[in-house]
Amino acid sequence: NSYKTQQFKYTNQRPQSKYRLIQYTTAIASWSKNLLRALANKLTGSGNDGELREITLGAKVQLSELLKLEVVSQRTGAAIAALIVVNLIGAMFAIAPSLLAFLAIVAGIVWPDFVSVGYREFRNLVDRT
């Protein structure tokens, strides 16, 4: 055995390459491995505090409530209806339809029940006349 291999035999360090590119690559790989390990420890709560785990569980519950079929279908229908209406208005007035479509999608997400409310108001108007 040479002196170089015996030097690192009893330590945890690996011998460094004489090429700078390989040194940078191994340093970046080691850093990213340590980062992923730390994130995994935090997310699984294997550290001292379980606060982050409670936060992720709360976010999961809120996302599961938002992803119910009724809520998703209502918001999707509202966004599509708003997109169609605004594109028709944009075509009639020759304004930028993509900008108006973007505004309509945002409006459909903010007010997801505007289609059902508008339909109900329309039915009330028809019943009164």
Protein backbone atom coordinates (compact mmCIF):
# COMPACT_ATOMS: atom_id res chain seq x y z
CA ASN A 1 0.00 0.00 0.00
CA SER A 2 1.17 3.43 -0.82
CA TYR A 3 1.29 6.31 1.60
CA LYS A 4 -1.63 8.07 -0.16
CA THR A 5 -4.06 5.17 0.31
CA GLN A 6 -2.94 4.57 3.91
CA GLN A 7 -3.45 8.23 4.72
CA PHE A 8 -7.25 7.96 4.14
CA LYS A 9 -7.62 4.39 5.38
CA TYR A 10 -8.74 5.27 8.91
CA THR A 11 -10.62 8.49 8.22
CA ASN A 12 -14.00 9.09 6.69
CA GLN A 13 -12.64 11.45 4.06
CA ARG A 14 -12.13 10.30 0.53
CA PRO A 15 -9.07 11.35 -1.37
CA GLN A 16 -9.75 14.41 -3.47
CA SER A 17 -9.26 14.36 -7.18
CA LYS A 18 -6.53 16.43 -8.70
CA TYR A 19 -9.02 17.76 -11.27
CA ARG A 20 -10.96 20.85 -10.22
CA LEU A 21 -14.10 19.90 -12.20
CA ILE A 22 -14.38 16.57 -10.41
CA GLN A 23 -13.87 18.31 -7.06
CA TYR A 24 -16.72 20.73 -7.84
CA THR A 25 -18.97 17.91 -9.03
CA THR A 26 -18.41 15.81 -5.91
CA ALA A 27 -18.89 18.86 -3.67
CA ILE A 28 -22.19 19.73 -5.37
CA ALA A 29 -23.34 16.11 -5.20
CA SER A 30 -22.47 15.90 -1.51
CA TRP A 31 -24.20 19.21 -0.76
CA SER A 32 -27.37 18.23 -2.62
CA LYS A 33 -27.41 14.82 -0.90
CA ASN A 34 -27.15 16.52 2.50
CA LEU A 35 -29.88 18.99 1.54
CA LEU A 36 -32.27 16.24 0.44
CA ARG A 37 -31.53 14.26 3.59
CA ALA A 38 -32.25 17.32 5.76
CA LEU A 39 -35.51 18.03 3.89
CA ALA A 40 -36.59 14.41 4.25
CA ASN A 41 -35.84 14.51 7.97
CA LYS A 42 -37.83 17.70 8.38
CA LEU A 43 -40.80 16.48 6.36
CA THR A 44 -41.02 13.13 8.08
CA GLY A 45 -40.63 14.73 11.48
CA SER A 46 -37.65 12.61 12.47
CA GLY A 47 -36.04 15.68 14.01
CA ASN A 48 -36.78 17.12 17.43
CA ASP A 49 -39.84 19.13 16.42
CA GLY A 50 -42.93 17.90 14.64
CA GLU A 51 -44.20 21.37 13.74
CA LEU A 52 -43.44 21.04 10.06
CA ARG A 53 -45.19 17.69 10.00
CA GLU A 54 -48.30 19.29 11.51
CA ILE A 55 -48.17 22.06 8.92
CA THR A 56 -47.92 19.57 6.05
CA LEU A 57 -50.80 17.52 7.47
CA GLY A 58 -52.92 20.70 7.72
CA ALA A 59 -52.07 21.63 4.13
CA LYS A 60 -52.97 18.11 3.02
CA VAL A 61 -56.39 18.37 4.70
CA GLN A 62 -57.07 21.77 3.11
CA LEU A 63 -56.00 20.49 -0.31
CA SER A 64 -58.20 17.43 0.03
CA GLU A 65 -61.17 19.72 0.76
CA LEU A 66 -60.35 21.89 -2.25
CA LEU A 67 -59.96 18.90 -4.55
CA LYS A 68 -63.44 17.51 -4.00
CA LEU A 69 -65.24 16.83 -7.27
CA GLU A 70 -68.00 19.35 -6.56
CA VAL A 71 -65.58 22.22 -5.92
CA VAL A 72 -63.34 21.35 -8.87
CA SER A 73 -66.23 20.98 -11.29
CA GLN A 74 -67.80 24.23 -10.12
CA ARG A 75 -64.56 26.18 -10.53
CA THR A 76 -63.76 24.55 -13.87
CA GLY A 77 -67.24 25.25 -15.24
CA ALA A 78 -67.06 28.83 -14.06
CA ALA A 79 -63.64 29.35 -15.63
CA ILE A 80 -64.74 27.83 -18.97
CA ALA A 81 -67.95 29.87 -19.06
CA ALA A 82 -66.07 33.06 -18.29
CA LEU A 83 -63.50 32.20 -20.95
CA ILE A 84 -66.21 31.75 -23.59
CA VAL A 85 -68.05 34.95 -22.68
CA VAL A 86 -64.95 37.09 -22.63
CA ASN A 87 -63.70 35.65 -25.91
CA LEU A 88 -67.03 36.57 -27.52
CA ILE A 89 -66.80 40.08 -26.11
CA GLY A 90 -63.20 40.34 -27.27
CA ALA A 91 -64.14 39.25 -30.76
CA MET A 92 -67.03 41.73 -30.93
CA PHE A 93 -64.97 44.70 -29.87
CA ALA A 94 -61.68 43.56 -31.46
CA ILE A 95 -59.79 43.90 -28.22
CA ALA A 96 -56.99 41.58 -27.17
CA PRO A 97 -58.90 38.34 -26.52
CA SER A 98 -56.02 36.66 -24.71
CA LEU A 99 -55.88 39.41 -22.12
CA LEU A 100 -59.63 39.26 -21.60
CA ALA A 101 -59.49 35.44 -21.46
CA PHE A 102 -56.86 35.65 -18.74
CA LEU A 103 -59.03 38.09 -16.80
CA ALA A 104 -62.01 35.77 -17.24
CA ILE A 105 -60.10 32.77 -15.91
CA VAL A 106 -59.03 34.80 -12.90
CA ALA A 107 -62.61 35.98 -12.37
CA GLY A 108 -63.88 32.40 -12.66
CA ILE A 109 -61.43 31.25 -10.03
CA VAL A 110 -62.23 34.14 -7.69
CA TRP A 111 -66.03 33.90 -8.15
CA PRO A 112 -66.64 30.21 -8.94
CA ASP A 113 -70.40 30.34 -8.45
CA PHE A 114 -71.14 33.27 -10.75
CA VAL A 115 -72.62 30.96 -13.42
CA SER A 116 -75.20 29.42 -11.09
CA VAL A 117 -76.02 32.82 -9.57
CA GLY A 118 -76.34 34.37 -13.04
CA TYR A 119 -78.57 31.51 -14.23
CA ARG A 120 -80.78 31.86 -11.15
CA GLU A 121 -81.09 35.61 -11.70
CA PHE A 122 -81.90 35.00 -15.37
CA ARG A 123 -84.62 32.48 -14.42
CA ASN A 124 -86.05 34.97 -11.92
CA LEU A 125 -86.10 37.64 -14.64
CA VAL A 126 -87.86 35.26 -17.05
CA ASP A 127 -90.41 34.24 -14.40
CA ARG A 128 -91.21 37.89 -13.62
CA THR A 129 -91.86 38.76 -17.27
